[in-house]
Amino acid sequence: MVVPVNKVVRVETTGADVIHSFAVPAFGIKIDAIPGRLNETWFKANKVGVYYGQCSELCGKDHAYMPIAVRVVSDQDFAAWVETAKKKFAANPANAFASAAEAAH
């Protein structure tokens, strides 16, 4: 996930299969992603950098492989990232979901 610094970011979660939990301790957020329900929270990152979290619900055998990476960038870098992302992800419908590793770069 890439977000601009000093902006309120709204996070909406839901689940497709089981309960997951989107947690990023540096921002003080933890919200459950429940199938059939839309939950939301928000955060405001005040410092540029990369922040890590993880699914903090025991959701199944792949629970340990659900890292979260939030890259906080300047407004200028965010605008540039959006333009790049439009070309990269909109051009290839097979890329329905971006990986955390790709988003962090």
PDB file of N, CA and C in Angstrom:
ATOM      1  N   MET A   1       0.847  -1.152   0.000  1.00  0.00           N
ATOM      2  CA  MET A   1       0.000   0.000   0.000  1.00  0.00           C
ATOM      3  C   MET A   1       0.905   1.231   0.000  1.00  0.00           C
ATOM      4  N   VAL A   2       0.612   2.194  -0.847  1.00  0.00           N
ATOM      5  CA  VAL A   2       1.373   3.440  -0.911  1.00  0.00           C
ATOM      6  C   VAL A   2       0.410   4.576  -0.579  1.00  0.00           C
ATOM      7  N   VAL A   3       0.785   5.428   0.363  1.00  0.00           N
ATOM      8  CA  VAL A   3      -0.083   6.527   0.798  1.00  0.00           C
ATOM      9  C   VAL A   3       0.724   7.808   0.936  1.00  0.00           C
ATOM     10  N   PRO A   4       0.061   8.957   0.819  1.00  0.00           N
ATOM     11  CA  PRO A   4       0.769  10.226   1.006  1.00  0.00           C
ATOM     12  C   PRO A   4       0.913  10.565   2.496  1.00  0.00           C
ATOM     13  N   VAL A   5       1.994  11.255   2.819  1.00  0.00           N
ATOM     14  CA  VAL A   5       2.251  11.671   4.189  1.00  0.00           C
ATOM     15  C   VAL A   5       1.288  12.794   4.584  1.00  0.00           C
ATOM     16  N   ASN A   6       0.955  12.867   5.860  1.00  0.00           N
ATOM     17  CA  ASN A   6       0.108  13.921   6.432  1.00  0.00           C
ATOM     18  C   ASN A   6      -1.290  14.007   5.833  1.00  0.00           C
ATOM     19  N   LYS A   7      -1.811  12.880   5.385  1.00  0.00           N
ATOM     20  CA  LYS A   7      -3.185  12.818   4.869  1.00  0.00           C
ATOM     21  C   LYS A   7      -3.936  11.730   5.630  1.00  0.00           C
ATOM     22  N   VAL A   8      -5.204  11.964   5.859  1.00  0.00           N
ATOM     23  CA  VAL A   8      -6.031  10.932   6.481  1.00  0.00           C
ATOM     24  C   VAL A   8      -6.323   9.868   5.427  1.00  0.00           C
ATOM     25  N   VAL A   9      -6.038   8.622   5.766  1.00  0.00           N
ATOM     26  CA  VAL A   9      -6.254   7.485   4.862  1.00  0.00           C
ATOM     27  C   VAL A   9      -7.341   6.610   5.472  1.00  0.00           C
ATOM     28  N   ARG A  10      -8.403   6.399   4.722  1.00  0.00           N
ATOM     29  CA  ARG A  10      -9.497   5.544   5.181  1.00  0.00           C
ATOM     30  C   ARG A  10      -9.257   4.129   4.676  1.00  0.00           C
ATOM     31  N   VAL A  11      -9.354   3.166   5.578  1.00  0.00           N
ATOM     32  CA  VAL A  11      -9.145   1.767   5.245  1.00  0.00           C
ATOM     33  C   VAL A  11     -10.481   1.045   5.394  1.00  0.00           C
ATOM     34  N   GLU A  12     -10.925   0.410   4.320  1.00  0.00           N
ATOM     35  CA  GLU A  12     -12.145  -0.398   4.363  1.00  0.00           C
ATOM     36  C   GLU A  12     -11.747  -1.860   4.216  1.00  0.00           C
ATOM     37  N   THR A  13     -12.305  -2.712   5.063  1.00  0.00           N
ATOM     38  CA  THR A  13     -11.966  -4.126   5.014  1.00  0.00           C
ATOM     39  C   THR A  13     -13.221  -4.985   4.928  1.00  0.00           C
ATOM     40  N   THR A  14     -13.071  -6.103   4.262  1.00  0.00           N
ATOM     41  CA  THR A  14     -14.071  -7.161   4.243  1.00  0.00           C
ATOM     42  C   THR A  14     -13.314  -8.454   3.987  1.00  0.00           C
ATOM     43  N   GLY A  15     -13.968  -9.568   4.125  1.00  0.00           N
ATOM     44  CA  GLY A  15     -13.313 -10.848   3.899  1.00  0.00           C
ATOM     45  C   GLY A  15     -14.051 -11.651   2.848  1.00  0.00           C
ATOM     46  N   ALA A  16     -13.314 -12.498   2.161  1.00  0.00           N
ATOM     47  CA  ALA A  16     -13.918 -13.346   1.144  1.00  0.00           C
ATOM     48  C   ALA A  16     -14.164 -14.764   1.664  1.00  0.00           C
ATOM     49  N   ASP A  17     -13.404 -15.165   2.688  1.00  0.00           N
ATOM     50  CA  ASP A  17     -13.491 -16.556   3.116  1.00  0.00           C
ATOM     51  C   ASP A  17     -13.603 -16.720   4.632  1.00  0.00           C
ATOM     52  N   VAL A  18     -12.657 -16.165   5.366  1.00  0.00           N
ATOM     53  CA  VAL A  18     -12.633 -16.275   6.828  1.00  0.00           C
ATOM     54  C   VAL A  18     -12.337 -14.896   7.404  1.00  0.00           C
ATOM     55  N   ILE A  19     -12.338 -14.785   8.719  1.00  0.00           N
ATOM     56  CA  ILE A  19     -12.009 -13.505   9.360  1.00  0.00           C
ATOM     57  C   ILE A  19     -10.500 -13.290   9.288  1.00  0.00           C
ATOM     58  N   HIS A  20     -10.114 -12.142   8.763  1.00  0.00           N
ATOM     59  CA  HIS A  20      -8.732 -11.694   8.774  1.00  0.00           C
ATOM     60  C   HIS A  20      -8.687 -10.430   9.637  1.00  0.00           C
ATOM     61  N   SER A  21      -7.511  -9.918   9.923  1.00  0.00           N
ATOM     62  CA  SER A  21      -7.412  -8.691  10.693  1.00  0.00           C
ATOM     63  C   SER A  21      -6.257  -7.859  10.171  1.00  0.00           C
ATOM     64  N   PHE A  22      -6.564  -6.668   9.683  1.00  0.00           N
ATOM     65  CA  PHE A  22      -5.584  -5.737   9.121  1.00  0.00           C
ATOM     66  C   PHE A  22      -5.009  -4.928  10.283  1.00  0.00           C
ATOM     67  N   ALA A  23      -3.732  -5.133  10.572  1.00  0.00           N
ATOM     68  CA  ALA A  23      -3.111  -4.469  11.718  1.00  0.00           C
ATOM     69  C   ALA A  23      -1.776  -3.849  11.333  1.00  0.00           C
ATOM     70  N   VAL A  24      -1.613  -2.557  11.655  1.00  0.00           N
ATOM     71  CA  VAL A  24      -0.337  -1.859  11.485  1.00  0.00           C
ATOM     72  C   VAL A  24      -0.081  -1.124  12.813  1.00  0.00           C
ATOM     73  N   PRO A  25       0.707  -1.736  13.695  1.00  0.00           N
ATOM     74  CA  PRO A  25       0.913  -1.180  15.028  1.00  0.00           C
ATOM     75  C   PRO A  25       1.435   0.266  15.050  1.00  0.00           C
ATOM     76  N   ALA A  26       2.292   0.641  14.100  1.00  0.00           N
ATOM     77  CA  ALA A  26       2.853   1.993  14.095  1.00  0.00           C
ATOM     78  C   ALA A  26       1.773   3.059  13.956  1.00  0.00           C
ATOM     79  N   PHE A  27       0.646   2.709  13.344  1.00  0.00           N
ATOM     80  CA  PHE A  27      -0.454   3.658  13.168  1.00  0.00           C
ATOM     81  C   PHE A  27      -1.565   3.448  14.194  1.00  0.00           C
ATOM     82  N   GLY A  28      -1.397   2.468  15.047  1.00  0.00           N
ATOM     83  CA  GLY A  28      -2.409   2.195  16.070  1.00  0.00           C
ATOM     84  C   GLY A  28      -3.705   1.674  15.497  1.00  0.00           C
ATOM     85  N   ILE A  29      -3.623   0.912  14.405  1.00  0.00           N
ATOM     86  CA  ILE A  29      -4.857   0.378  13.818  1.00  0.00           C
ATOM     87  C   ILE A  29      -4.856  -1.136  13.788  1.00  0.00           C
ATOM     88  N   LYS A  30      -6.025  -1.681  14.030  1.00  0.00           N
ATOM     89  CA  LYS A  30      -6.285  -3.116  13.901  1.00  0.00           C
ATOM     90  C   LYS A  30      -7.775  -3.230  13.649  1.00  0.00           C
ATOM     91  N   ILE A  31      -8.130  -3.745  12.477  1.00  0.00           N
ATOM     92  CA  ILE A  31      -9.540  -3.853  12.111  1.00  0.00           C
ATOM     93  C   ILE A  31      -9.789  -5.216  11.493  1.00  0.00           C
ATOM     94  N   ASP A  32     -10.872  -5.852  11.910  1.00  0.00           N
ATOM     95  CA  ASP A  32     -11.193  -7.168  11.374  1.00  0.00           C
ATOM     96  C   ASP A  32     -11.810  -7.063   9.985  1.00  0.00           C
ATOM     97  N   ALA A  33     -11.463  -8.019   9.145  1.00  0.00           N
ATOM     98  CA  ALA A  33     -12.041  -8.163   7.812  1.00  0.00           C
ATOM     99  C   ALA A  33     -12.940  -9.395   7.867  1.00  0.00           C
ATOM    100  N   ILE A  34     -14.242  -9.160   7.899  1.00  0.00           N
ATOM    101  CA  ILE A  34     -15.215 -10.220   8.125  1.00  0.00           C
ATOM    102  C   ILE A  34     -16.040 -10.444   6.862  1.00  0.00           C
ATOM    103  N   PRO A  35     -16.165 -11.694   6.414  1.00  0.00           N
ATOM    104  CA  PRO A  35     -16.981 -11.958   5.223  1.00  0.00           C
ATOM    105  C   PRO A  35     -18.413 -11.424   5.397  1.00  0.00           C
ATOM    106  N   GLY A  36     -18.898 -10.726   4.381  1.00  0.00           N
ATOM    107  CA  GLY A  36     -20.259 -10.203   4.410  1.00  0.00           C
ATOM    108  C   GLY A  36     -20.441  -8.920   5.182  1.00  0.00           C
ATOM    109  N   ARG A  37     -19.364  -8.342   5.688  1.00  0.00           N
ATOM    110  CA  ARG A  37     -19.465  -7.113   6.468  1.00  0.00           C
ATOM    111  C   ARG A  37     -18.369  -6.153   6.017  1.00  0.00           C
ATOM    112  N   LEU A  38     -18.674  -4.868   5.966  1.00  0.00           N
ATOM    113  CA  LEU A  38     -17.690  -3.844   5.619  1.00  0.00           C
ATOM    114  C   LEU A  38     -17.317  -3.087   6.886  1.00  0.00           C
ATOM    115  N   ASN A  39     -16.054  -3.145   7.259  1.00  0.00           N
ATOM    116  CA  ASN A  39     -15.548  -2.401   8.415  1.00  0.00           C
ATOM    117  C   ASN A  39     -14.617  -1.313   7.922  1.00  0.00           C
ATOM    118  N   GLU A  40     -14.491  -0.250   8.686  1.00  0.00           N
ATOM    119  CA  GLU A  40     -13.565   0.808   8.282  1.00  0.00           C
ATOM    120  C   GLU A  40     -12.875   1.434   9.480  1.00  0.00           C
ATOM    121  N   THR A  41     -11.690   1.951   9.210  1.00  0.00           N
ATOM    122  CA  THR A  41     -10.904   2.697  10.180  1.00  0.00           C
ATOM    123  C   THR A  41     -10.093   3.715   9.396  1.00  0.00           C
ATOM    124  N   TRP A  42      -9.260   4.468  10.073  1.00  0.00           N
ATOM    125  CA  TRP A  42      -8.437   5.467   9.390  1.00  0.00           C
ATOM    126  C   TRP A  42      -7.117   5.622  10.137  1.00  0.00           C
ATOM    127  N   PHE A  43      -6.157   6.216   9.429  1.00  0.00           N
ATOM    128  CA  PHE A  43      -4.891   6.580  10.059  1.00  0.00           C
ATOM    129  C   PHE A  43      -4.322   7.784   9.325  1.00  0.00           C
ATOM    130  N   LYS A  44      -3.378   8.437   9.974  1.00  0.00           N
ATOM    131  CA  LYS A  44      -2.668   9.565   9.371  1.00  0.00           C
ATOM    132  C   LYS A  44      -1.190   9.388   9.708  1.00  0.00           C
ATOM    133  N   ALA A  45      -0.386   9.118   8.679  1.00  0.00           N
ATOM    134  CA  ALA A  45       1.053   8.925   8.871  1.00  0.00           C
ATOM    135  C   ALA A  45       1.740  10.287   8.787  1.00  0.00           C
ATOM    136  N   ASN A  46       2.503  10.608   9.800  1.00  0.00           N
ATOM    137  CA  ASN A  46       3.157  11.918   9.870  1.00  0.00           C
ATOM    138  C   ASN A  46       4.609  11.909   9.435  1.00  0.00           C
ATOM    139  N   LYS A  47       5.111  10.736   9.057  1.00  0.00           N
ATOM    140  CA  LYS A  47       6.524  10.622   8.707  1.00  0.00           C
ATOM    141  C   LYS A  47       6.681   9.683   7.516  1.00  0.00           C
ATOM    142  N   VAL A  48       7.490  10.092   6.549  1.00  0.00           N
ATOM    143  CA  VAL A  48       7.780   9.262   5.377  1.00  0.00           C
ATOM    144  C   VAL A  48       8.545   8.017   5.828  1.00  0.00           C
ATOM    145  N   GLY A  49       8.242   6.880   5.219  1.00  0.00           N
ATOM    146  CA  GLY A  49       8.939   5.643   5.548  1.00  0.00           C
ATOM    147  C   GLY A  49       8.103   4.445   5.176  1.00  0.00           C
ATOM    148  N   VAL A  50       8.597   3.264   5.527  1.00  0.00           N
ATOM    149  CA  VAL A  50       7.875   2.027   5.287  1.00  0.00           C
ATOM    150  C   VAL A  50       7.498   1.453   6.648  1.00  0.00           C
ATOM    151  N   TYR A  51       6.230   1.114   6.790  1.00  0.00           N
ATOM    152  CA  TYR A  51       5.694   0.600   8.048  1.00  0.00           C
ATOM    153  C   TYR A  51       5.110  -0.785   7.781  1.00  0.00           C
ATOM    154  N   TYR A  52       5.283  -1.677   8.749  1.00  0.00           N
ATOM    155  CA  TYR A  52       4.881  -3.061   8.541  1.00  0.00           C
ATOM    156  C   TYR A  52       3.813  -3.484   9.533  1.00  0.00           C
ATOM    157  N   GLY A  53       2.987  -4.394   9.077  1.00  0.00           N
ATOM    158  CA  GLY A  53       1.960  -4.998   9.903  1.00  0.00           C
ATOM    159  C   GLY A  53       1.744  -6.414   9.417  1.00  0.00           C
ATOM    160  N   GLN A  54       0.640  -7.008   9.845  1.00  0.00           N
ATOM    161  CA  GLN A  54       0.326  -8.354   9.400  1.00  0.00           C
ATOM    162  C   GLN A  54      -1.119  -8.660   9.742  1.00  0.00           C
ATOM    163  N   CYS A  55      -1.612  -9.749   9.158  1.00  0.00           N
ATOM    164  CA  CYS A  55      -2.913 -10.253   9.569  1.00  0.00           C
ATOM    165  C   CYS A  55      -2.726 -10.736  11.002  1.00  0.00           C
ATOM    166  N   SER A  56      -3.532 -10.233  11.907  1.00  0.00           N
ATOM    167  CA  SER A  56      -3.365 -10.623  13.309  1.00  0.00           C
ATOM    168  C   SER A  56      -4.536 -11.467  13.804  1.00  0.00           C
ATOM    169  N   GLU A  57      -5.132 -12.186  12.893  1.00  0.00           N
ATOM    170  CA  GLU A  57      -6.186 -13.152  13.222  1.00  0.00           C
ATOM    171  C   GLU A  57      -5.691 -14.521  12.754  1.00  0.00           C
ATOM    172  N   LEU A  58      -5.882 -15.533  13.551  1.00  0.00           N
ATOM    173  CA  LEU A  58      -5.464 -16.878  13.126  1.00  0.00           C
ATOM    174  C   LEU A  58      -6.472 -17.369  12.099  1.00  0.00           C
ATOM    175  N   CYS A  59      -6.162 -17.083  10.833  1.00  0.00           N
ATOM    176  CA  CYS A  59      -7.134 -17.243   9.754  1.00  0.00           C
ATOM    177  C   CYS A  59      -6.959 -18.517   8.948  1.00  0.00           C
ATOM    178  N   GLY A  60      -5.931 -19.268   9.202  1.00  0.00           N
ATOM    179  CA  GLY A  60      -5.739 -20.497   8.443  1.00  0.00           C
ATOM    180  C   GLY A  60      -4.276 -20.833   8.273  1.00  0.00           C
ATOM    181  N   LYS A  61      -4.001 -21.821   7.449  1.00  0.00           N
ATOM    182  CA  LYS A  61      -2.639 -22.340   7.307  1.00  0.00           C
ATOM    183  C   LYS A  61      -1.660 -21.324   6.725  1.00  0.00           C
ATOM    184  N   ASP A  62      -2.119 -20.366   5.942  1.00  0.00           N
ATOM    185  CA  ASP A  62      -1.224 -19.366   5.345  1.00  0.00           C
ATOM    186  C   ASP A  62      -1.173 -18.059   6.137  1.00  0.00           C
ATOM    187  N   HIS A  63      -1.634 -18.080   7.364  1.00  0.00           N
ATOM    188  CA  HIS A  63      -1.664 -16.876   8.201  1.00  0.00           C
ATOM    189  C   HIS A  63      -0.298 -16.198   8.296  1.00  0.00           C
ATOM    190  N   ALA A  64       0.758 -16.979   8.405  1.00  0.00           N
ATOM    191  CA  ALA A  64       2.105 -16.411   8.558  1.00  0.00           C
ATOM    192  C   ALA A  64       2.597 -15.724   7.289  1.00  0.00           C
ATOM    193  N   TYR A  65       1.892 -15.905   6.170  1.00  0.00           N
ATOM    194  CA  TYR A  65       2.322 -15.337   4.894  1.00  0.00           C
ATOM    195  C   TYR A  65       1.404 -14.201   4.450  1.00  0.00           C
ATOM    196  N   MET A  66       0.928 -13.417   5.391  1.00  0.00           N
ATOM    197  CA  MET A  66       0.041 -12.294   5.089  1.00  0.00           C
ATOM    198  C   MET A  66       0.615 -11.002   5.657  1.00  0.00           C
ATOM    199  N   PRO A  67       1.798 -10.617   5.193  1.00  0.00           N
ATOM    200  CA  PRO A  67       2.379  -9.372   5.692  1.00  0.00           C
ATOM    201  C   PRO A  67       1.675  -8.152   5.087  1.00  0.00           C
ATOM    202  N   ILE A  68       1.792  -7.040   5.767  1.00  0.00           N
ATOM    203  CA  ILE A  68       1.265  -5.759   5.292  1.00  0.00           C
ATOM    204  C   ILE A  68       2.433  -4.788   5.263  1.00  0.00           C
ATOM    205  N   ALA A  69       2.592  -4.079   4.154  1.00  0.00           N
ATOM    206  CA  ALA A  69       3.624  -3.045   4.043  1.00  0.00           C
ATOM    207  C   ALA A  69       2.943  -1.762   3.584  1.00  0.00           C
ATOM    208  N   VAL A  70       3.148  -0.684   4.328  1.00  0.00           N
ATOM    209  CA  VAL A  70       2.594   0.619   3.974  1.00  0.00           C
ATOM    210  C   VAL A  70       3.763   1.558   3.714  1.00  0.00           C
ATOM    211  N   ARG A  71       3.877   2.025   2.488  1.00  0.00           N
ATOM    212  CA  ARG A  71       4.942   2.969   2.141  1.00  0.00           C
ATOM    213  C   ARG A  71       4.343   4.365   2.156  1.00  0.00           C
ATOM    214  N   VAL A  72       4.851   5.219   3.035  1.00  0.00           N
ATOM    215  CA  VAL A  72       4.383   6.596   3.170  1.00  0.00           C
ATOM    216  C   VAL A  72       5.370   7.494   2.427  1.00  0.00           C
ATOM    217  N   VAL A  73       4.847   8.272   1.471  1.00  0.00           N
ATOM    218  CA  VAL A  73       5.696   9.088   0.599  1.00  0.00           C
ATOM    219  C   VAL A  73       5.195  10.530   0.563  1.00  0.00           C
ATOM    220  N   SER A  74       6.006  11.416   0.012  1.00  0.00           N
ATOM    221  CA  SER A  74       5.620  12.818  -0.151  1.00  0.00           C
ATOM    222  C   SER A  74       4.474  12.917  -1.153  1.00  0.00           C
ATOM    223  N   ASP A  75       3.798  14.067  -1.175  1.00  0.00           N
ATOM    224  CA  ASP A  75       2.700  14.275  -2.134  1.00  0.00           C
ATOM    225  C   ASP A  75       3.193  14.124  -3.568  1.00  0.00           C
ATOM    226  N   GLN A  76       4.361  14.661  -3.856  1.00  0.00           N
ATOM    227  CA  GLN A  76       4.922  14.582  -5.206  1.00  0.00           C
ATOM    228  C   GLN A  76       5.224  13.132  -5.591  1.00  0.00           C
ATOM    229  N   ASP A  77       5.839  12.395  -4.689  1.00  0.00           N
ATOM    230  CA  ASP A  77       6.131  10.984  -4.961  1.00  0.00           C
ATOM    231  C   ASP A  77       4.846  10.163  -5.089  1.00  0.00           C
ATOM    232  N   PHE A  78       3.820  10.529  -4.314  1.00  0.00           N
ATOM    233  CA  PHE A  78       2.548   9.814  -4.402  1.00  0.00           C
ATOM    234  C   PHE A  78       1.897  10.041  -5.767  1.00  0.00           C
ATOM    235  N   ALA A  79       1.894  11.279  -6.238  1.00  0.00           N
ATOM    236  CA  ALA A  79       1.320  11.582  -7.553  1.00  0.00           C
ATOM    237  C   ALA A  79       2.052  10.817  -8.649  1.00  0.00           C
ATOM    238  N   ALA A  80       3.370  10.743  -8.548  1.00  0.00           N
ATOM    239  CA  ALA A  80       4.159   9.992  -9.533  1.00  0.00           C
ATOM    240  C   ALA A  80       3.841   8.504  -9.449  1.00  0.00           C
ATOM    241  N   TRP A  81       3.695   7.981  -8.239  1.00  0.00           N
ATOM    242  CA  TRP A  81       3.363   6.563  -8.066  1.00  0.00           C
ATOM    243  C   TRP A  81       1.993   6.250  -8.665  1.00  0.00           C
ATOM    244  N   VAL A  82       1.017   7.141  -8.455  1.00  0.00           N
ATOM    245  CA  VAL A  82      -0.329   6.920  -9.006  1.00  0.00           C
ATOM    246  C   VAL A  82      -0.275   6.821 -10.526  1.00  0.00           C
ATOM    247  N   GLU A  83       0.468   7.712 -11.161  1.00  0.00           N
ATOM    248  CA  GLU A  83       0.573   7.667 -12.629  1.00  0.00           C
ATOM    249  C   GLU A  83       1.217   6.362 -13.104  1.00  0.00           C
ATOM    250  N   THR A  84       2.255   5.945 -12.422  1.00  0.00           N
ATOM    251  CA  THR A  84       2.915   4.678 -12.765  1.00  0.00           C
ATOM    252  C   THR A  84       1.974   3.498 -12.534  1.00  0.00           C
ATOM    253  N   ALA A  85       1.257   3.516 -11.422  1.00  0.00           N
ATOM    254  CA  ALA A  85       0.342   2.419 -11.093  1.00  0.00           C
ATOM    255  C   ALA A  85      -0.796   2.329 -12.096  1.00  0.00           C
ATOM    256  N   LYS A  86      -1.290   3.463 -12.567  1.00  0.00           N
ATOM    257  CA  LYS A  86      -2.356   3.452 -13.573  1.00  0.00           C
ATOM    258  C   LYS A  86      -1.904   2.702 -14.814  1.00  0.00           C
ATOM    259  N   LYS A  87      -0.702   2.973 -15.252  1.00  0.00           N
ATOM    260  CA  LYS A  87      -0.172   2.316 -16.452  1.00  0.00           C
ATOM    261  C   LYS A  87       0.114   0.830 -16.184  1.00  0.00           C
ATOM    262  N   LYS A  88       0.707   0.551 -15.041  1.00  0.00           N
ATOM    263  CA  LYS A  88       1.133  -0.810 -14.738  1.00  0.00           C
ATOM    264  C   LYS A  88      -0.044  -1.756 -14.474  1.00  0.00           C
ATOM    265  N   PHE A  89      -0.992  -1.326 -13.652  1.00  0.00           N
ATOM    266  CA  PHE A  89      -2.057  -2.232 -13.231  1.00  0.00           C
ATOM    267  C   PHE A  89      -3.291  -2.167 -14.126  1.00  0.00           C
ATOM    268  N   ALA A  90      -3.602  -1.024 -14.687  1.00  0.00           N
ATOM    269  CA  ALA A  90      -4.775  -0.915 -15.555  1.00  0.00           C
ATOM    270  C   ALA A  90      -4.520  -1.559 -16.910  1.00  0.00           C
ATOM    271  N   ALA A  91      -3.261  -1.608 -17.330  1.00  0.00           N
ATOM    272  CA  ALA A  91      -2.917  -2.148 -18.645  1.00  0.00           C
ATOM    273  C   ALA A  91      -2.965  -3.670 -18.677  1.00  0.00           C
ATOM    274  N   ASN A  92      -2.881  -4.322 -17.526  1.00  0.00           N
ATOM    275  CA  ASN A  92      -2.833  -5.782 -17.489  1.00  0.00           C
ATOM    276  C   ASN A  92      -3.921  -6.309 -16.558  1.00  0.00           C
ATOM    277  N   PRO A  93      -5.083  -6.715 -17.104  1.00  0.00           N
ATOM    278  CA  PRO A  93      -6.179  -7.200 -16.260  1.00  0.00           C
ATOM    279  C   PRO A  93      -5.810  -8.431 -15.428  1.00  0.00           C
ATOM    280  N   ALA A  94      -4.757  -9.138 -15.798  1.00  0.00           N
ATOM    281  CA  ALA A  94      -4.342 -10.302 -15.014  1.00  0.00           C
ATOM    282  C   ALA A  94      -3.801  -9.883 -13.651  1.00  0.00           C
ATOM    283  N   ASN A  95      -3.390  -8.622 -13.518  1.00  0.00           N
ATOM    284  CA  ASN A  95      -2.879  -8.113 -12.240  1.00  0.00           C
ATOM    285  C   ASN A  95      -4.023  -7.568 -11.402  1.00  0.00           C
ATOM    286  N   ALA A  96      -4.953  -8.407 -11.027  1.00  0.00           N
ATOM    287  CA  ALA A  96      -6.102  -7.968 -10.250  1.00  0.00           C
ATOM    288  C   ALA A  96      -5.693  -7.511  -8.852  1.00  0.00           C
ATOM    289  N   PHE A  97      -4.621  -8.095  -8.325  1.00  0.00           N
ATOM    290  CA  PHE A  97      -4.158  -7.740  -6.989  1.00  0.00           C
ATOM    291  C   PHE A  97      -2.662  -7.465  -7.034  1.00  0.00           C
ATOM    292  N   ALA A  98      -2.244  -6.373  -6.425  1.00  0.00           N
ATOM    293  CA  ALA A  98      -0.819  -6.048  -6.341  1.00  0.00           C
ATOM    294  C   ALA A  98      -0.238  -6.714  -5.097  1.00  0.00           C
ATOM    295  N   SER A  99       0.964  -7.204  -5.178  1.00  0.00           N
ATOM    296  CA  SER A  99       1.597  -7.791  -4.008  1.00  0.00           C
ATOM    297  C   SER A  99       2.190  -6.693  -3.137  1.00  0.00           C
ATOM    298  N   ALA A 100       2.337  -6.971  -1.872  1.00  0.00           N
ATOM    299  CA  ALA A 100       2.930  -6.005  -0.943  1.00  0.00           C
ATOM    300  C   ALA A 100       4.347  -5.669  -1.346  1.00  0.00           C
ATOM    301  N   ALA A 101       5.082  -6.636  -1.869  1.00  0.00           N
ATOM    302  CA  ALA A 101       6.463  -6.397  -2.281  1.00  0.00           C
ATOM    303  C   ALA A 101       6.519  -5.419  -3.448  1.00  0.00           C
ATOM    304  N   GLU A 102       5.609  -5.550  -4.416  1.00  0.00           N
ATOM    305  CA  GLU A 102       5.601  -4.636  -5.563  1.00  0.00           C
ATOM    306  C   GLU A 102       5.209  -3.232  -5.120  1.00  0.00           C
ATOM    307  N   ALA A 103       4.218  -3.121  -4.244  1.00  0.00           N
ATOM    308  CA  ALA A 103       3.740  -1.816  -3.811  1.00  0.00           C
ATOM    309  C   ALA A 103       4.776  -1.068  -2.991  1.00  0.00           C
ATOM    310  N   ALA A 104       5.623  -1.794  -2.297  1.00  0.00           N
ATOM    311  CA  ALA A 104       6.620  -1.166  -1.433  1.00  0.00           C
ATOM    312  C   ALA A 104       7.799  -0.587  -2.222  1.00  0.00           C
ATOM    313  N   HIS A 105       7.878  -0.885  -3.515  1.00  0.00           N
ATOM    314  CA  HIS A 105       9.005  -0.377  -4.311  1.00  0.00           C
ATOM    315  C   HIS A 105       8.610   0.775  -5.185  1.00  0.00           C
TER     316      HIS A 105
END
